[in-house]
């Protein structure tokens, strides 16, 4: 798949180039509401995955099968690439049916939750297809990449009875949960400003530029793909919606800025000169997952980071105004030797600040709480095991072990959360291009709220 010009209907009807086939029987309809009925779970949760990239086969594939078998059953795996699908089937080890056609899987397998880990620009098609077939949907961030696709998801979420969950694992690490707890308790009063500055290391940024993330039509630029995590964190911390964004960005290192270029790293004559050269064949897993199956769909995992069609950015700066009158000063700087962030909340009753990455004691997280007129207090949070600072296991427990359990910190995220984080990134992208502030209201039917409502769309 090389373009993002598919309509949802064309997506459903096209095979090979998209995740779908012709509709067979249509969704089950509730006689009471006239809407597709939400399927009733019986026994273990029945889950299926569409999209077999690294995240799909590992975190939501093998990990679920091996560690969550008491709570769920993997009943289907789908990908348009038959070679990658075959490898994923063996790697995940579920022994379940596999499909190259999403609609066929939704029609033929009884599914409680569809896990969407496809390319970003196809998320909306998969989410909508799941809702149409009476299935709850768990979607990797970002929910989608532009305002039009956001609106399509909003409309579908209103129309159908099922739920959409967005996997904002950045809400779940214990040290961030502690920040949310402190802010909710009023420890620093009403928040007036937030300073939030994130750095990505050389290796991290290189991976983005090698993949489709470096191309805006596929990933929406890093304003959406990466920064949606950060905007959601602030939306969640402030419990408010963004209303206006004024931003600047630049692409200074990658793409056409490079001193030379080739097709991909494996075939590059400049390997000895390039700081970003990477041998995918040295990793057996990635070689079997990607390199050995690229002939099916043309997806190359180790593209040249200096290819001319890269138009995502490697530095970002934004001022975001919130509906509760808080200001966010934000930056993302990529291609540095440092990986981590610094954040500070300034409130009417004090200040809370902390950083991640670069602490002398890396086995714990420290926050500095300074109530107005008092001495600073160091708050130490012990880490927990698991990916993304211990957030991944906690997220998975909420999604698949105790989905109806209490959520006092409002960590569970749905359509509204996903849309608002995407719109902040889209507004920043537009603002940088046009050189003026961009308002959130009017981009979709959702209106920003000073106090964020429940996840009703």
Protein backbone atom coordinates (compact mmCIF):
# COMPACT_ATOMS: atom_id res chain seq x y z
CA UNK A 1 0.00 0.00 0.00
CA UNK A 2 1.59 3.24 -1.09
CA UNK A 3 -1.23 5.78 -0.94
CA UNK A 4 -3.75 6.90 1.66
CA UNK A 5 -6.50 7.77 -0.82
CA UNK A 6 -8.80 4.85 -0.01
CA UNK A 7 -12.36 5.62 0.92
CA UNK A 8 -13.75 3.28 3.59
CA UNK A 9 -15.92 1.52 1.01
CA UNK A 10 -13.00 1.08 -1.37
CA UNK A 11 -10.97 -0.12 1.61
CA UNK A 12 -13.56 -2.79 2.39
CA UNK A 13 -13.92 -3.89 -1.23
CA UNK A 14 -10.23 -4.01 -2.16
CA UNK A 15 -8.02 -7.01 -1.45
CA UNK A 16 -4.24 -7.10 -1.43
CA UNK A 17 -3.89 -3.30 -1.41
CA UNK A 18 -6.13 -2.86 1.61
CA UNK A 19 -7.38 -4.76 4.63
CA UNK A 20 -10.75 -5.90 3.43
CA UNK A 21 -13.04 -7.70 1.04
CA UNK A 22 -16.62 -7.36 -0.10
CA UNK A 23 -19.25 -7.36 2.62
CA UNK A 24 -20.85 -10.76 2.97
CA UNK A 25 -23.79 -10.54 5.31
CA UNK A 26 -23.47 -7.22 7.12
CA UNK A 27 -23.54 -6.58 10.87
CA UNK A 28 -25.97 -8.07 13.39
CA UNK A 29 -28.75 -5.54 14.13
CA UNK A 30 -30.39 -4.93 17.50
CA UNK A 31 -34.18 -5.06 17.20
CA UNK A 32 -34.55 -2.59 20.06
CA UNK A 33 -32.33 0.21 18.75
CA UNK A 34 -32.02 -0.58 15.06
CA UNK A 35 -28.24 -0.31 15.48
CA UNK A 36 -25.69 -3.09 15.16
CA UNK A 37 -25.87 -4.90 18.49
CA UNK A 38 -22.92 -5.09 20.83
CA UNK A 39 -21.77 -8.67 21.09
CA UNK A 40 -22.11 -10.20 24.55
CA UNK A 41 -18.94 -11.67 25.98
CA UNK A 42 -19.22 -15.21 27.29
CA UNK A 43 -16.30 -16.69 29.18
CA UNK A 44 -12.84 -15.56 28.16
CA UNK A 45 -12.55 -12.37 26.13
CA UNK A 46 -12.16 -13.26 22.46
CA UNK A 47 -9.64 -10.95 20.79
CA UNK A 48 -8.32 -10.56 17.25
CA UNK A 49 -5.44 -8.48 15.85
CA UNK A 50 -5.31 -6.60 12.55
CA UNK A 51 -1.81 -5.45 11.60
CA UNK A 52 1.27 -7.59 12.24
CA UNK A 53 4.07 -5.11 12.72
CA UNK A 54 6.35 -5.20 15.76
CA UNK A 55 3.68 -3.99 18.18
CA UNK A 56 1.00 -6.29 16.77
CA UNK A 57 3.02 -9.50 16.97
CA UNK A 58 4.70 -8.76 20.32
CA UNK A 59 2.77 -6.61 22.81
CA UNK A 60 -0.67 -7.52 21.46
CA UNK A 61 0.30 -10.90 20.03
CA UNK A 62 2.74 -13.26 21.69
CA UNK A 63 2.58 -11.36 24.99
CA UNK A 64 -1.21 -11.72 25.25
CA UNK A 65 -1.12 -15.39 24.29
CA UNK A 66 1.65 -16.28 26.74
CA UNK A 67 0.75 -14.05 29.71
CA UNK A 68 -2.98 -13.42 29.54
CA UNK A 69 -4.32 -16.85 28.60
CA UNK A 70 -6.43 -17.04 31.77
CA UNK A 71 -8.40 -14.01 30.63
CA UNK A 72 -8.52 -14.06 26.83
CA UNK A 73 -8.33 -16.19 23.73
CA UNK A 74 -6.71 -15.07 20.47
CA UNK A 75 -9.24 -16.01 17.78
CA UNK A 76 -7.96 -14.24 14.65
CA UNK A 77 -4.95 -12.52 13.09
CA UNK A 78 -5.22 -10.35 9.97
CA UNK A 79 -2.75 -8.65 7.64
CA UNK A 80 -2.75 -7.88 3.93
CA UNK A 81 0.83 -9.17 3.61
CA UNK A 82 0.56 -12.99 3.46
CA UNK A 83 4.24 -13.57 4.16
CA UNK A 84 4.29 -11.38 7.24
CA UNK A 85 1.00 -12.95 8.34
CA UNK A 86 2.48 -16.45 8.11
CA UNK A 87 5.50 -15.41 10.18
CA UNK A 88 3.27 -13.65 12.71
CA UNK A 89 1.11 -16.76 13.05
CA UNK A 90 4.09 -18.84 14.11
CA UNK A 91 5.65 -16.11 16.26
CA UNK A 92 2.45 -15.36 18.19
CA UNK A 93 1.68 -19.04 18.66
CA UNK A 94 -2.07 -18.72 19.09
CA UNK A 95 -2.96 -21.47 16.63
CA UNK A 96 -5.95 -19.42 15.48
CA UNK A 97 -7.32 -18.67 11.99
CA UNK A 98 -5.48 -16.07 9.91
CA UNK A 99 -6.91 -13.70 7.31
CA UNK A 100 -5.71 -11.32 4.62
CA UNK A 101 -9.21 -9.78 4.55
CA UNK A 102 -10.46 -7.82 7.57
CA UNK A 103 -14.13 -8.02 6.71
CA UNK A 104 -13.88 -11.79 6.25
CA UNK A 105 -12.39 -12.11 9.72
CA UNK A 106 -15.09 -9.92 11.26
CA UNK A 107 -17.82 -11.92 9.52
CA UNK A 108 -16.52 -15.41 10.21
CA UNK A 109 -15.05 -15.18 13.73
CA UNK A 110 -16.85 -14.34 16.97
CA UNK A 111 -14.79 -11.44 18.36
CA UNK A 112 -15.23 -9.37 21.52
CA UNK A 113 -12.37 -6.94 20.90
CA UNK A 114 -10.52 -6.09 17.70
CA UNK A 115 -6.97 -4.79 18.30
CA UNK A 116 -5.88 -2.34 15.59
CA UNK A 117 -2.11 -2.12 15.05
CA UNK A 118 -2.03 -1.28 11.33
CA UNK A 119 -0.42 1.71 9.65
CA UNK A 120 -1.71 4.98 11.14
CA UNK A 121 -3.44 6.13 7.95
CA UNK A 122 -5.62 2.99 7.94
CA UNK A 123 -6.67 3.08 11.61
CA UNK A 124 -9.99 4.76 10.89
CA UNK A 125 -11.01 2.10 8.37
CA UNK A 126 -10.32 -0.70 10.83
CA UNK A 127 -12.00 1.07 13.75
CA UNK A 128 -15.14 1.77 11.74
CA UNK A 129 -15.26 -1.78 10.34
CA UNK A 130 -15.07 -3.19 13.86
CA UNK A 131 -17.87 -0.93 15.13
CA UNK A 132 -20.06 -1.80 12.14
CA UNK A 133 -19.74 -5.46 13.01
CA UNK A 134 -20.68 -5.09 16.66
CA UNK A 135 -17.16 -5.41 18.05
CA UNK A 136 -15.32 -3.29 20.63
CA UNK A 137 -12.13 -1.79 19.22
CA UNK A 138 -8.74 -1.30 20.89
CA UNK A 139 -6.74 1.09 18.69
CA UNK A 140 -3.06 1.92 18.93
CA UNK A 141 -2.26 5.62 19.09
CA UNK A 142 -2.70 7.83 17.20
CA UNK A 143 -6.38 7.17 16.66
CA UNK A 144 -5.91 8.52 13.11
CA UNK A 145 -3.92 11.21 11.28
CA UNK A 146 -6.24 14.07 10.24
CA UNK A 147 -9.48 15.84 11.09
CA UNK A 148 -11.58 14.22 8.34
CA UNK A 149 -10.71 10.73 9.54
CA UNK A 150 -11.39 11.84 13.13
CA UNK A 151 -14.88 12.91 12.09
CA UNK A 152 -15.52 9.56 10.41
CA UNK A 153 -14.66 7.79 13.68
CA UNK A 154 -16.78 10.22 15.71
CA UNK A 155 -19.76 9.57 13.45
CA UNK A 156 -19.31 5.81 13.67
CA UNK A 157 -18.94 5.91 17.44
CA UNK A 158 -22.23 7.81 17.69
CA UNK A 159 -23.98 5.42 15.33
CA UNK A 160 -22.94 2.09 16.81
CA UNK A 161 -23.21 0.67 20.30
CA UNK A 162 -19.68 -0.59 20.78
CA UNK A 163 -16.74 1.05 22.53
CA UNK A 164 -13.42 2.39 21.26
CA UNK A 165 -10.32 2.30 23.45
CA UNK A 166 -7.12 4.17 22.56
CA UNK A 167 -3.90 2.72 23.96
CA UNK A 168 -2.40 5.75 25.67
CA UNK A 169 0.13 3.79 27.72
CA UNK A 170 1.84 7.05 28.69
CA UNK A 171 -0.97 7.57 31.22
CA UNK A 172 -0.16 4.39 33.12
CA UNK A 173 3.43 4.47 34.47
CA UNK A 174 3.29 4.80 38.28
CA UNK A 175 5.23 8.07 38.39
CA UNK A 176 2.80 9.71 35.98
CA UNK A 177 -0.15 8.32 37.89
CA UNK A 178 1.34 10.00 40.96
CA UNK A 179 1.46 13.34 39.12
CA UNK A 180 -2.19 12.96 38.13
CA UNK A 181 -3.09 12.11 41.73
CA UNK A 182 -1.29 15.20 43.04
CA UNK A 183 -2.90 17.50 40.48
CA UNK A 184 -6.37 16.07 41.14
CA UNK A 185 -5.87 16.60 44.88
CA UNK A 186 -5.26 20.32 44.32
CA UNK A 187 -1.66 20.16 45.55
CA UNK A 188 -0.70 23.18 43.41
CA UNK A 189 -4.17 24.69 42.94
CA UNK A 190 -5.42 25.66 39.50
CA UNK A 191 -2.77 25.16 36.84
CA UNK A 192 -1.77 28.29 34.95
CA UNK A 193 1.13 27.15 32.77
CA UNK A 194 2.94 23.96 31.81
CA UNK A 195 6.48 23.70 30.42
CA UNK A 196 7.00 20.38 28.64
CA UNK A 197 10.12 19.59 26.63
CA UNK A 198 10.81 16.16 25.14
CA UNK A 199 14.00 14.86 23.53
CA UNK A 200 14.33 11.86 21.21
CA UNK A 201 17.70 10.17 20.77
CA UNK A 202 19.49 9.60 17.46
CA UNK A 203 18.49 5.94 17.32
CA UNK A 204 14.82 6.64 18.02
CA UNK A 205 14.50 9.36 15.40
CA UNK A 206 16.40 7.30 12.84
CA UNK A 207 13.80 4.54 13.12
CA UNK A 208 11.00 7.01 12.40
CA UNK A 209 12.71 8.34 9.31
CA UNK A 210 13.51 4.87 7.97
CA UNK A 211 9.84 3.93 8.13
CA UNK A 212 6.69 5.49 6.73
CA UNK A 213 6.53 7.84 9.75
CA UNK A 214 8.82 10.21 7.87
CA UNK A 215 6.13 10.76 5.21
CA UNK A 216 3.28 13.05 6.25
CA UNK A 217 0.57 11.42 4.15
CA UNK A 218 1.13 8.17 6.06
CA UNK A 219 1.90 9.21 9.62
CA UNK A 220 0.60 12.76 9.80
CA UNK A 221 4.18 13.88 10.72
CA UNK A 222 5.51 13.44 14.24
CA UNK A 223 3.13 16.22 15.34
CA UNK A 224 0.54 13.45 15.23
CA UNK A 225 2.31 10.09 15.40
CA UNK A 226 4.63 10.89 18.32
CA UNK A 227 3.29 14.10 19.80
CA UNK A 228 -0.25 12.77 20.20
CA UNK A 229 1.18 10.88 23.21
CA UNK A 230 2.43 14.14 24.70
CA UNK A 231 -0.67 16.18 23.96
CA UNK A 232 -2.82 13.47 25.50
CA UNK A 233 -0.67 13.49 28.63
CA UNK A 234 -1.26 17.21 29.06
CA UNK A 235 -4.97 16.97 28.21
CA UNK A 236 -5.22 14.27 30.87
CA UNK A 237 -3.12 16.09 33.46
CA UNK A 238 -5.04 19.36 33.00
CA UNK A 239 -8.42 17.64 32.61
CA UNK A 240 -9.14 20.22 29.91
CA UNK A 241 -9.23 20.45 26.11
CA UNK A 242 -6.91 22.47 23.84
CA UNK A 243 -8.56 25.37 22.03
CA UNK A 244 -5.75 27.00 20.02
CA UNK A 245 -2.25 26.07 18.83
CA UNK A 246 0.56 28.26 17.49
CA UNK A 247 3.54 26.25 16.29
CA UNK A 248 6.83 26.17 14.42
CA UNK A 249 8.68 23.18 13.00
CA UNK A 250 11.63 22.36 10.77
CA UNK A 251 13.31 19.49 8.97
CA UNK A 252 17.05 20.16 9.20
CA UNK A 253 18.85 16.82 9.22
CA UNK A 254 16.97 14.14 7.31
CA UNK A 255 15.35 13.86 3.89
CA UNK A 256 16.83 16.10 1.22
CA UNK A 257 19.22 17.61 3.78
CA UNK A 258 21.39 14.50 3.65
CA UNK A 259 24.81 14.57 1.92
CA UNK A 260 24.03 11.37 -0.02
CA UNK A 261 21.23 8.84 -0.40
CA UNK A 262 20.45 5.37 -1.62
CA UNK A 263 17.51 2.96 -1.68
CA UNK A 264 17.84 1.32 1.72
CA UNK A 265 20.51 0.48 4.26
CA UNK A 266 21.10 -3.06 3.01
CA UNK A 267 22.09 -1.86 -0.45
CA UNK A 268 23.73 1.43 0.42
CA UNK A 269 27.16 2.24 -1.08
CA UNK A 270 27.60 4.94 1.60
CA UNK A 271 27.30 2.61 4.60
CA UNK A 272 30.77 3.41 5.89
CA UNK A 273 30.09 7.16 5.77
CA UNK A 274 26.55 7.23 7.17
CA UNK A 275 25.94 7.75 10.88
CA UNK A 276 22.49 6.22 10.46
CA UNK A 277 23.38 3.00 8.70
CA UNK A 278 21.55 -0.02 10.15
CA UNK A 279 21.69 -3.68 9.16
CA UNK A 280 18.19 -5.12 9.47
CA UNK A 281 19.51 -8.58 8.58
CA UNK A 282 21.48 -8.66 11.83
CA UNK A 283 18.16 -9.00 13.67
CA UNK A 284 16.57 -12.35 12.81
CA UNK A 285 13.13 -11.30 14.02
CA UNK A 286 12.98 -8.11 11.96
CA UNK A 287 14.52 -9.80 8.95
CA UNK A 288 11.86 -12.52 8.95
CA UNK A 289 9.03 -10.14 9.77
CA UNK A 290 9.90 -7.41 7.25
CA UNK A 291 12.80 -7.92 4.86
CA UNK A 292 11.79 -11.41 3.72
CA UNK A 293 8.20 -10.29 3.01
CA UNK A 294 8.63 -6.86 1.43
CA UNK A 295 8.15 -8.30 -2.07
CA UNK A 296 4.45 -8.84 -1.27
CA UNK A 297 3.55 -5.19 -0.71
CA UNK A 298 6.67 -3.08 -1.21
CA UNK A 299 6.94 -2.08 2.45
CA UNK A 300 10.65 -1.54 3.15
CA UNK A 301 11.59 -1.29 6.81
CA UNK A 302 15.13 0.10 6.38
CA UNK A 303 14.57 2.95 3.93
CA UNK A 304 17.24 5.62 3.48
CA UNK A 305 16.81 8.40 6.03
CA UNK A 306 17.88 10.88 3.37
CA UNK A 307 15.25 9.97 0.76
CA UNK A 308 13.66 13.02 -0.82
CA UNK A 309 10.04 12.17 0.08
CA UNK A 310 10.64 12.61 3.82
CA UNK A 311 8.62 15.64 4.89
CA UNK A 312 8.14 15.05 8.61
CA UNK A 313 10.10 17.29 10.97
CA UNK A 314 12.95 16.83 13.40
CA UNK A 315 12.23 19.81 15.68
CA UNK A 316 8.91 21.13 16.95
CA UNK A 317 7.78 23.96 19.17
CA UNK A 318 4.23 24.95 20.12
CA UNK A 319 2.22 27.20 22.40
CA UNK A 320 -1.14 25.62 23.23
CA UNK A 321 -3.98 27.46 24.92
CA UNK A 322 -6.48 25.37 26.88
CA UNK A 323 -10.14 25.91 27.52
CA UNK A 324 -9.41 26.37 31.24
CA UNK A 325 -7.00 29.21 30.33
CA UNK A 326 -3.84 27.20 31.03
CA UNK A 327 -0.93 27.63 28.60
CA UNK A 328 1.35 24.82 27.46
CA UNK A 329 4.86 25.61 26.23
CA UNK A 330 5.89 22.47 24.34
CA UNK A 331 8.83 21.27 22.30
CA UNK A 332 9.99 18.02 20.75
CA UNK A 333 13.64 17.94 19.75
CA UNK A 334 14.77 14.85 17.91
CA UNK A 335 18.12 13.50 16.80
CA UNK A 336 19.97 14.33 20.01
CA UNK A 337 22.24 12.36 22.35
CA UNK A 338 19.61 12.64 25.08
CA UNK A 339 16.37 10.73 25.51
CA UNK A 340 13.86 11.97 28.05
CA UNK A 341 11.82 15.00 29.07
CA UNK A 342 11.41 17.78 31.58
CA UNK A 343 8.00 19.01 32.71
CA UNK A 344 6.83 21.66 35.18
CA UNK A 345 3.33 22.68 36.29
CA UNK A 346 2.85 26.18 37.72
CA UNK A 347 -0.34 26.57 39.74
CA UNK A 348 -2.08 29.11 41.92
CA UNK A 349 -0.89 27.24 45.04
CA UNK A 350 2.54 26.01 44.01
CA UNK A 351 4.70 24.18 41.48
CA UNK A 352 5.33 20.55 40.53
CA UNK A 353 8.24 19.55 38.32
CA UNK A 354 10.20 16.49 37.28
CA UNK A 355 12.24 14.93 34.54
CA UNK A 356 12.65 11.54 32.98
CA UNK A 357 15.98 10.35 31.63
CA UNK A 358 19.32 11.60 32.89
CA UNK A 359 18.59 11.32 36.61
CA UNK A 360 21.59 10.23 38.70
CA UNK A 361 19.40 7.50 40.22
CA UNK A 362 17.74 5.80 37.26
CA UNK A 363 15.94 3.16 39.33
CA UNK A 364 13.35 5.58 40.65
CA UNK A 365 11.45 8.70 39.63
CA UNK A 366 11.59 11.94 41.59
CA UNK A 367 9.20 14.86 41.51
CA UNK A 368 9.69 18.19 43.25
CA UNK A 369 6.55 19.62 44.85
CA UNK A 370 6.87 23.23 46.04
CA UNK A 371 3.69 24.52 47.72
CA UNK A 372 3.46 28.29 47.69
CA UNK A 373 5.45 29.77 50.58
CA UNK A 374 6.88 26.39 51.65
CA UNK A 375 10.08 24.44 51.14
CA UNK A 376 10.31 21.97 48.25
CA UNK A 377 9.35 18.37 48.92
CA UNK A 378 10.96 15.47 47.03
CA UNK A 379 8.43 12.79 46.07
CA UNK A 380 9.98 9.48 45.07
CA UNK A 381 8.05 6.91 43.06
CA UNK A 382 9.36 3.37 42.77
CA UNK A 383 9.34 1.95 39.24
CA UNK A 384 7.36 -1.05 38.11
CA UNK A 385 8.36 -3.72 35.62
CA UNK A 386 7.33 -3.71 31.98
CA UNK A 387 7.59 -1.65 28.83
CA UNK A 388 7.07 2.12 28.70
CA UNK A 389 8.21 2.67 32.29
CA UNK A 390 5.88 -0.03 33.59
CA UNK A 391 2.84 1.40 31.83
CA UNK A 392 2.27 -1.39 29.31
CA UNK A 393 1.29 -4.15 31.79
CA UNK A 394 -1.03 -1.78 33.64
CA UNK A 395 -2.70 -0.75 30.37
CA UNK A 396 -3.10 -4.37 29.27
CA UNK A 397 -4.57 -5.32 32.65
CA UNK A 398 -7.17 -2.59 32.25
CA UNK A 399 -8.02 -3.58 28.67
CA UNK A 400 -8.10 -7.35 29.03
CA UNK A 401 -8.14 -8.42 32.68
CA UNK A 402 -10.36 -5.94 34.52
CA UNK A 403 -11.98 -3.72 31.87
CA UNK A 404 -14.92 -2.84 34.10
CA UNK A 405 -12.82 -2.07 37.17
CA UNK A 406 -12.57 1.29 38.92
CA UNK A 407 -10.63 4.02 37.12
CA UNK A 408 -10.14 6.78 39.71
CA UNK A 409 -7.42 8.56 37.71
CA UNK A 410 -9.34 8.38 34.42
CA UNK A 411 -6.51 6.54 32.69
CA UNK A 412 -8.76 4.67 30.28
CA UNK A 413 -9.02 6.57 26.99
CA UNK A 414 -11.67 6.49 24.30
CA UNK A 415 -12.69 8.22 21.09
CA UNK A 416 -12.89 11.73 22.50
CA UNK A 417 -9.46 11.45 24.09
CA UNK A 418 -7.98 10.08 20.89
CA UNK A 419 -9.53 12.79 18.74
CA UNK A 420 -8.49 15.71 20.96
CA UNK A 421 -4.87 14.56 21.02
CA UNK A 422 -4.84 14.16 17.23
CA UNK A 423 -6.44 17.57 16.67
CA UNK A 424 -3.76 19.26 18.76
CA UNK A 425 -1.14 17.74 16.48
CA UNK A 426 -3.08 18.55 13.31
CA UNK A 427 -3.54 22.16 14.47
CA UNK A 428 0.19 22.43 15.18
CA UNK A 429 1.01 21.03 11.75
CA UNK A 430 -1.32 23.52 10.08
CA UNK A 431 -0.13 26.43 12.20
CA UNK A 432 3.52 25.83 11.33
CA UNK A 433 2.64 25.72 7.66
CA UNK A 434 0.43 28.82 7.67
CA UNK A 435 2.37 30.90 10.20
CA UNK A 436 -0.61 31.70 12.42
CA UNK A 437 -2.56 30.22 15.34
CA UNK A 438 -5.12 27.51 14.53
CA UNK A 439 -8.28 26.90 16.54
CA UNK A 440 -9.45 23.40 17.46
CA UNK A 441 -13.18 24.15 17.37
CA UNK A 442 -14.60 23.62 13.90
CA UNK A 443 -12.09 20.96 12.90
CA UNK A 444 -14.62 18.28 13.92
CA UNK A 445 -18.03 18.26 15.59
CA UNK A 446 -16.40 17.99 19.04
CA UNK A 447 -16.19 21.23 21.02
CA UNK A 448 -13.37 21.89 23.50
CA UNK A 449 -14.41 21.92 27.16
CA UNK A 450 -12.75 23.68 30.09
CA UNK A 451 -13.54 20.59 32.16
CA UNK A 452 -13.25 17.51 30.00
CA UNK A 453 -16.50 15.54 29.86
CA UNK A 454 -16.83 11.79 29.92
CA UNK A 455 -15.81 10.09 26.72
CA UNK A 456 -19.18 10.61 25.08
CA UNK A 457 -18.77 11.91 21.54
